[in-house]
């Protein structure tokens, strides 16, 4: 069995790389991904405010990261993705979540899909 192709993130598009165990995901904060995440988490502004207060919930993190992973080209079911988060531990998603929220607020990403 050959190793999977490496995954790269383009910071100019606001992309972030997430490693969960042996899996790597390119998180792309596209408009569609952010709108999908808002359907689950509510307002992204409120989500960012909760994160700044240390009140972000794991369900919110998983929903945001999953939506952005799908936009990054990864076809993974939410149940599988969220289990990978739990296996990897919350420390594995802390920095990538922070980077993603910063990219969303900064607006430095490329709007092209």
N, C-alpha and C. Protein backbone atom coordinates (compact mmCIF):
# COMPACT_ATOMS: atom_id res chain seq x y z
N UNK A 1 0.85 -1.17 0.00
CA UNK A 1 0.00 0.00 0.00
C UNK A 1 0.89 1.24 0.00
N UNK A 2 0.64 2.17 -0.89
CA UNK A 2 1.45 3.37 -0.96
C UNK A 2 0.90 4.43 0.00
N UNK A 3 1.77 5.35 0.37
CA UNK A 3 1.37 6.43 1.26
C UNK A 3 0.46 7.38 0.51
N UNK A 4 -0.50 8.00 1.22
CA UNK A 4 -1.38 8.95 0.54
C UNK A 4 -0.59 10.18 0.11
N UNK A 5 -1.09 10.82 -0.93
CA UNK A 5 -0.46 12.05 -1.41
C UNK A 5 -0.48 13.09 -0.29
N UNK A 6 0.57 13.89 -0.18
CA UNK A 6 0.58 14.93 0.86
C UNK A 6 -0.47 15.99 0.55
N UNK A 7 -0.99 16.59 1.60
CA UNK A 7 -1.99 17.64 1.47
C UNK A 7 -1.29 18.96 1.76
N UNK A 8 -1.55 19.95 0.94
CA UNK A 8 -0.97 21.27 1.12
C UNK A 8 -2.07 22.28 1.31
N UNK A 9 -1.80 23.31 2.10
CA UNK A 9 -2.74 24.40 2.31
C UNK A 9 -2.15 25.67 1.72
N UNK A 10 -2.99 26.47 1.09
CA UNK A 10 -2.57 27.74 0.52
C UNK A 10 -3.02 28.87 1.45
N UNK A 11 -2.09 29.44 2.22
CA UNK A 11 -2.49 30.48 3.17
C UNK A 11 -3.05 31.73 2.50
N UNK A 12 -2.73 31.94 1.22
CA UNK A 12 -3.26 33.10 0.49
C UNK A 12 -4.75 32.96 0.23
N UNK A 13 -5.26 31.74 0.33
CA UNK A 13 -6.69 31.48 0.21
C UNK A 13 -7.34 31.31 1.57
N UNK A 14 -6.58 31.50 2.64
CA UNK A 14 -7.08 31.32 3.99
C UNK A 14 -7.11 29.87 4.42
N UNK A 15 -6.48 28.99 3.64
CA UNK A 15 -6.49 27.57 3.94
C UNK A 15 -5.58 27.24 5.11
N UNK A 16 -5.96 26.21 5.84
CA UNK A 16 -5.22 25.75 7.01
C UNK A 16 -5.08 24.24 6.90
N UNK A 17 -3.94 23.71 7.32
CA UNK A 17 -3.72 22.27 7.32
C UNK A 17 -4.08 21.71 8.69
N UNK A 18 -4.85 20.63 8.69
CA UNK A 18 -5.25 19.94 9.92
C UNK A 18 -4.79 18.50 9.84
N UNK A 19 -4.07 18.06 10.87
CA UNK A 19 -3.62 16.68 10.95
C UNK A 19 -4.35 16.00 12.10
N UNK A 20 -5.05 14.92 11.77
CA UNK A 20 -5.76 14.11 12.77
C UNK A 20 -5.24 12.69 12.64
N UNK A 21 -4.34 12.29 13.51
CA UNK A 21 -3.73 10.97 13.40
C UNK A 21 -2.97 10.86 12.10
N UNK A 22 -3.34 9.88 11.28
CA UNK A 22 -2.68 9.66 10.00
C UNK A 22 -3.33 10.45 8.85
N UNK A 23 -4.43 11.13 9.14
CA UNK A 23 -5.16 11.87 8.10
C UNK A 23 -4.78 13.34 8.12
N UNK A 24 -4.67 13.89 6.92
CA UNK A 24 -4.43 15.33 6.77
C UNK A 24 -5.57 15.93 5.97
N UNK A 25 -6.00 17.11 6.39
CA UNK A 25 -7.10 17.80 5.74
C UNK A 25 -6.70 19.23 5.42
N UNK A 26 -7.07 19.66 4.21
CA UNK A 26 -6.94 21.06 3.83
C UNK A 26 -8.28 21.71 4.20
N UNK A 27 -8.24 22.69 5.09
CA UNK A 27 -9.44 23.40 5.49
C UNK A 27 -9.54 24.67 4.66
N UNK A 28 -10.57 24.77 3.85
CA UNK A 28 -10.74 25.93 2.97
C UNK A 28 -12.00 26.69 3.42
N UNK A 29 -11.84 27.91 3.92
CA UNK A 29 -13.00 28.67 4.37
C UNK A 29 -13.73 29.37 3.22
N UNK A 30 -14.33 28.57 2.34
CA UNK A 30 -15.09 29.13 1.23
C UNK A 30 -16.41 29.69 1.75
N UNK A 31 -17.06 30.51 0.97
CA UNK A 31 -18.35 31.06 1.37
C UNK A 31 -19.34 29.93 1.65
N UNK A 32 -19.38 28.95 0.78
CA UNK A 32 -20.31 27.81 0.95
C UNK A 32 -20.02 27.08 2.26
N UNK A 33 -18.75 26.86 2.56
CA UNK A 33 -18.38 26.16 3.80
C UNK A 33 -18.81 26.96 5.02
N UNK A 34 -18.57 28.27 4.98
CA UNK A 34 -18.92 29.09 6.13
C UNK A 34 -20.43 29.18 6.31
N UNK A 35 -21.17 29.26 5.20
CA UNK A 35 -22.63 29.28 5.29
C UNK A 35 -23.14 27.95 5.85
N UNK A 36 -22.53 26.84 5.43
CA UNK A 36 -22.92 25.53 5.95
C UNK A 36 -22.63 25.45 7.45
N UNK A 37 -21.49 25.94 7.87
CA UNK A 37 -21.15 25.92 9.29
C UNK A 37 -22.13 26.76 10.10
N UNK A 38 -22.53 27.91 9.56
CA UNK A 38 -23.48 28.77 10.27
C UNK A 38 -24.83 28.09 10.47
N UNK A 39 -25.21 27.20 9.57
CA UNK A 39 -26.47 26.47 9.73
C UNK A 39 -26.45 25.64 11.01
N UNK A 40 -25.28 25.19 11.41
CA UNK A 40 -25.14 24.36 12.61
C UNK A 40 -24.77 25.18 13.83
N UNK A 41 -23.83 26.11 13.67
CA UNK A 41 -23.26 26.82 14.82
C UNK A 41 -23.95 28.14 15.12
N UNK A 42 -24.73 28.65 14.19
CA UNK A 42 -25.26 30.01 14.33
C UNK A 42 -24.24 30.98 13.76
N UNK A 43 -24.39 32.23 14.08
CA UNK A 43 -23.54 33.29 13.55
C UNK A 43 -22.05 32.99 13.77
N UNK A 44 -21.25 33.16 12.71
CA UNK A 44 -19.81 32.98 12.86
C UNK A 44 -19.20 34.07 13.73
N UNK A 45 -19.78 35.26 13.68
CA UNK A 45 -19.29 36.34 14.55
C UNK A 45 -19.47 35.94 16.01
N UNK A 46 -20.65 35.40 16.34
CA UNK A 46 -20.91 34.94 17.71
C UNK A 46 -19.99 33.78 18.06
N UNK A 47 -19.72 32.90 17.09
CA UNK A 47 -18.81 31.77 17.33
C UNK A 47 -17.41 32.27 17.67
N UNK A 48 -16.96 33.27 16.93
CA UNK A 48 -15.63 33.83 17.18
C UNK A 48 -15.59 34.53 18.54
N UNK A 49 -16.67 35.22 18.88
CA UNK A 49 -16.74 35.85 20.20
C UNK A 49 -16.69 34.79 21.31
N UNK A 50 -17.44 33.69 21.13
CA UNK A 50 -17.41 32.61 22.13
C UNK A 50 -16.01 32.01 22.23
N UNK A 51 -15.36 31.86 21.09
CA UNK A 51 -13.99 31.32 21.10
C UNK A 51 -13.06 32.24 21.88
N UNK A 52 -13.20 33.54 21.69
CA UNK A 52 -12.37 34.50 22.40
C UNK A 52 -12.61 34.48 23.90
N UNK A 53 -13.80 34.07 24.30
CA UNK A 53 -14.15 33.99 25.73
C UNK A 53 -13.89 32.59 26.30
N UNK A 54 -13.39 31.69 25.47
CA UNK A 54 -13.15 30.32 25.92
C UNK A 54 -14.41 29.51 26.07
N UNK A 55 -15.47 29.90 25.34
CA UNK A 55 -16.77 29.24 25.47
C UNK A 55 -17.20 28.51 24.20
N UNK A 56 -16.25 28.24 23.32
CA UNK A 56 -16.58 27.52 22.09
C UNK A 56 -16.81 26.05 22.42
N UNK A 57 -17.76 25.44 21.77
CA UNK A 57 -18.10 24.05 22.05
C UNK A 57 -17.50 23.13 20.99
N UNK A 58 -17.22 21.90 21.38
CA UNK A 58 -16.60 20.94 20.47
C UNK A 58 -17.50 20.70 19.24
N UNK A 59 -18.80 20.73 19.43
CA UNK A 59 -19.71 20.55 18.29
C UNK A 59 -19.54 21.68 17.28
N UNK A 60 -19.32 22.90 17.77
CA UNK A 60 -19.09 24.04 16.88
C UNK A 60 -17.77 23.89 16.13
N UNK A 61 -16.74 23.47 16.85
CA UNK A 61 -15.43 23.27 16.22
C UNK A 61 -15.53 22.20 15.14
N UNK A 62 -16.15 21.07 15.47
CA UNK A 62 -16.27 19.97 14.51
C UNK A 62 -17.07 20.39 13.29
N UNK A 63 -18.16 21.13 13.49
CA UNK A 63 -18.99 21.57 12.35
C UNK A 63 -18.22 22.50 11.43
N UNK A 64 -17.50 23.46 12.01
CA UNK A 64 -16.73 24.41 11.21
C UNK A 64 -15.61 23.70 10.45
N UNK A 65 -14.84 22.88 11.17
CA UNK A 65 -13.72 22.20 10.52
C UNK A 65 -14.19 21.23 9.45
N UNK A 66 -15.28 20.53 9.70
CA UNK A 66 -15.81 19.57 8.72
C UNK A 66 -16.26 20.29 7.45
N UNK A 67 -17.00 21.38 7.61
CA UNK A 67 -17.48 22.13 6.44
C UNK A 67 -16.29 22.63 5.61
N UNK A 68 -15.24 23.12 6.29
CA UNK A 68 -14.07 23.63 5.59
C UNK A 68 -13.23 22.50 4.99
N UNK A 69 -13.23 21.32 5.62
CA UNK A 69 -12.53 20.16 5.04
C UNK A 69 -13.22 19.72 3.76
N UNK A 70 -14.55 19.71 3.76
CA UNK A 70 -15.28 19.36 2.53
C UNK A 70 -14.98 20.36 1.43
N UNK A 71 -14.93 21.65 1.77
CA UNK A 71 -14.59 22.68 0.78
C UNK A 71 -13.16 22.52 0.30
N UNK A 72 -12.31 21.92 1.13
CA UNK A 72 -10.92 21.68 0.77
C UNK A 72 -10.72 20.43 -0.07
N UNK A 73 -11.83 19.76 -0.41
CA UNK A 73 -11.76 18.62 -1.31
C UNK A 73 -11.81 17.26 -0.65
N UNK A 74 -12.14 17.20 0.62
CA UNK A 74 -12.16 15.93 1.34
C UNK A 74 -13.59 15.42 1.49
N UNK A 75 -13.81 14.22 1.04
CA UNK A 75 -15.12 13.59 1.11
C UNK A 75 -15.15 12.67 2.32
N UNK A 76 -15.50 13.25 3.46
CA UNK A 76 -15.51 12.48 4.71
C UNK A 76 -16.82 12.78 5.44
N UNK A 77 -17.46 11.74 5.92
CA UNK A 77 -18.71 11.92 6.66
C UNK A 77 -18.43 12.61 7.99
N UNK A 78 -19.38 13.40 8.46
CA UNK A 78 -19.22 14.14 9.70
C UNK A 78 -18.94 13.20 10.87
N UNK A 79 -19.63 12.08 10.91
CA UNK A 79 -19.45 11.14 12.03
C UNK A 79 -18.01 10.62 12.08
N UNK A 80 -17.46 10.30 10.92
CA UNK A 80 -16.07 9.81 10.84
C UNK A 80 -15.10 10.92 11.24
N UNK A 81 -15.33 12.11 10.70
CA UNK A 81 -14.46 13.26 10.97
C UNK A 81 -14.46 13.61 12.45
N UNK A 82 -15.63 13.65 13.06
CA UNK A 82 -15.71 14.02 14.48
C UNK A 82 -15.05 12.96 15.36
N UNK A 83 -15.16 11.69 14.97
CA UNK A 83 -14.47 10.63 15.71
C UNK A 83 -12.95 10.78 15.60
N UNK A 84 -12.48 11.21 14.43
CA UNK A 84 -11.04 11.45 14.27
C UNK A 84 -10.58 12.58 15.19
N UNK A 85 -11.42 13.61 15.34
CA UNK A 85 -11.09 14.71 16.25
C UNK A 85 -10.95 14.18 17.67
N UNK A 86 -11.91 13.37 18.10
CA UNK A 86 -11.85 12.83 19.46
C UNK A 86 -10.63 11.95 19.68
N UNK A 87 -10.31 11.12 18.68
CA UNK A 87 -9.13 10.25 18.81
C UNK A 87 -7.84 11.07 18.87
N UNK A 88 -7.76 12.14 18.08
CA UNK A 88 -6.55 12.97 18.04
C UNK A 88 -6.44 13.84 19.28
N UNK A 89 -7.58 14.20 19.87
CA UNK A 89 -7.59 15.07 21.04
C UNK A 89 -7.80 16.52 20.66
N UNK A 90 -8.37 17.25 21.56
CA UNK A 90 -8.68 18.66 21.28
C UNK A 90 -7.43 19.50 21.04
N UNK A 91 -6.31 19.10 21.62
CA UNK A 91 -5.08 19.85 21.38
C UNK A 91 -4.70 19.83 19.89
N UNK A 92 -5.06 18.77 19.18
CA UNK A 92 -4.74 18.65 17.76
C UNK A 92 -5.51 19.65 16.90
N UNK A 93 -6.66 20.11 17.39
CA UNK A 93 -7.47 21.04 16.60
C UNK A 93 -7.40 22.48 17.10
N UNK A 94 -6.79 22.70 18.25
CA UNK A 94 -6.78 24.04 18.85
C UNK A 94 -6.11 25.08 17.94
N UNK A 95 -4.88 24.83 17.53
CA UNK A 95 -4.17 25.81 16.70
C UNK A 95 -4.79 25.93 15.31
N UNK A 96 -5.11 24.82 14.62
CA UNK A 96 -5.75 24.97 13.31
C UNK A 96 -7.09 25.72 13.38
N UNK A 97 -7.85 25.50 14.46
CA UNK A 97 -9.12 26.23 14.62
C UNK A 97 -8.84 27.72 14.78
N UNK A 98 -7.86 28.05 15.60
CA UNK A 98 -7.50 29.45 15.80
C UNK A 98 -7.04 30.09 14.48
N UNK A 99 -6.22 29.37 13.72
CA UNK A 99 -5.74 29.89 12.44
C UNK A 99 -6.90 30.10 11.47
N UNK A 100 -7.84 29.16 11.46
CA UNK A 100 -8.98 29.26 10.57
C UNK A 100 -9.86 30.45 10.94
N UNK A 101 -10.15 30.62 12.22
CA UNK A 101 -10.97 31.75 12.67
C UNK A 101 -10.28 33.07 12.35
N UNK A 102 -8.97 33.11 12.49
CA UNK A 102 -8.21 34.32 12.15
C UNK A 102 -8.32 34.61 10.65
N UNK A 103 -8.21 33.57 9.82
CA UNK A 103 -8.33 33.76 8.37
C UNK A 103 -9.73 34.24 8.00
N UNK A 104 -10.75 33.72 8.67
CA UNK A 104 -12.13 34.12 8.40
C UNK A 104 -12.32 35.60 8.74
N UNK A 105 -11.83 35.99 9.89
CA UNK A 105 -12.00 37.39 10.32
C UNK A 105 -11.12 38.34 9.52
N UNK A 106 -9.95 37.87 9.10
CA UNK A 106 -9.03 38.73 8.38
C UNK A 106 -9.45 39.01 6.95
N UNK A 107 -10.20 38.07 6.37
CA UNK A 107 -10.64 38.26 5.00
C UNK A 107 -9.53 38.21 3.98
N UNK A 108 -8.40 37.59 4.34
CA UNK A 108 -7.27 37.53 3.42
C UNK A 108 -7.40 36.43 2.40
N UNK A 109 -8.41 35.58 2.53
CA UNK A 109 -8.57 34.46 1.61
C UNK A 109 -9.02 34.91 0.25
N UNK A 110 -8.77 34.10 -0.74
CA UNK A 110 -9.18 34.32 -2.11
C UNK A 110 -10.62 33.82 -2.24
N UNK A 111 -11.51 34.63 -2.74
CA UNK A 111 -12.93 34.27 -2.81
C UNK A 111 -13.21 33.23 -3.89
N UNK A 112 -12.27 32.94 -4.75
CA UNK A 112 -12.49 31.95 -5.80
C UNK A 112 -12.56 30.56 -5.22
N UNK A 113 -13.40 29.74 -5.79
CA UNK A 113 -13.53 28.33 -5.34
C UNK A 113 -12.52 27.48 -6.04
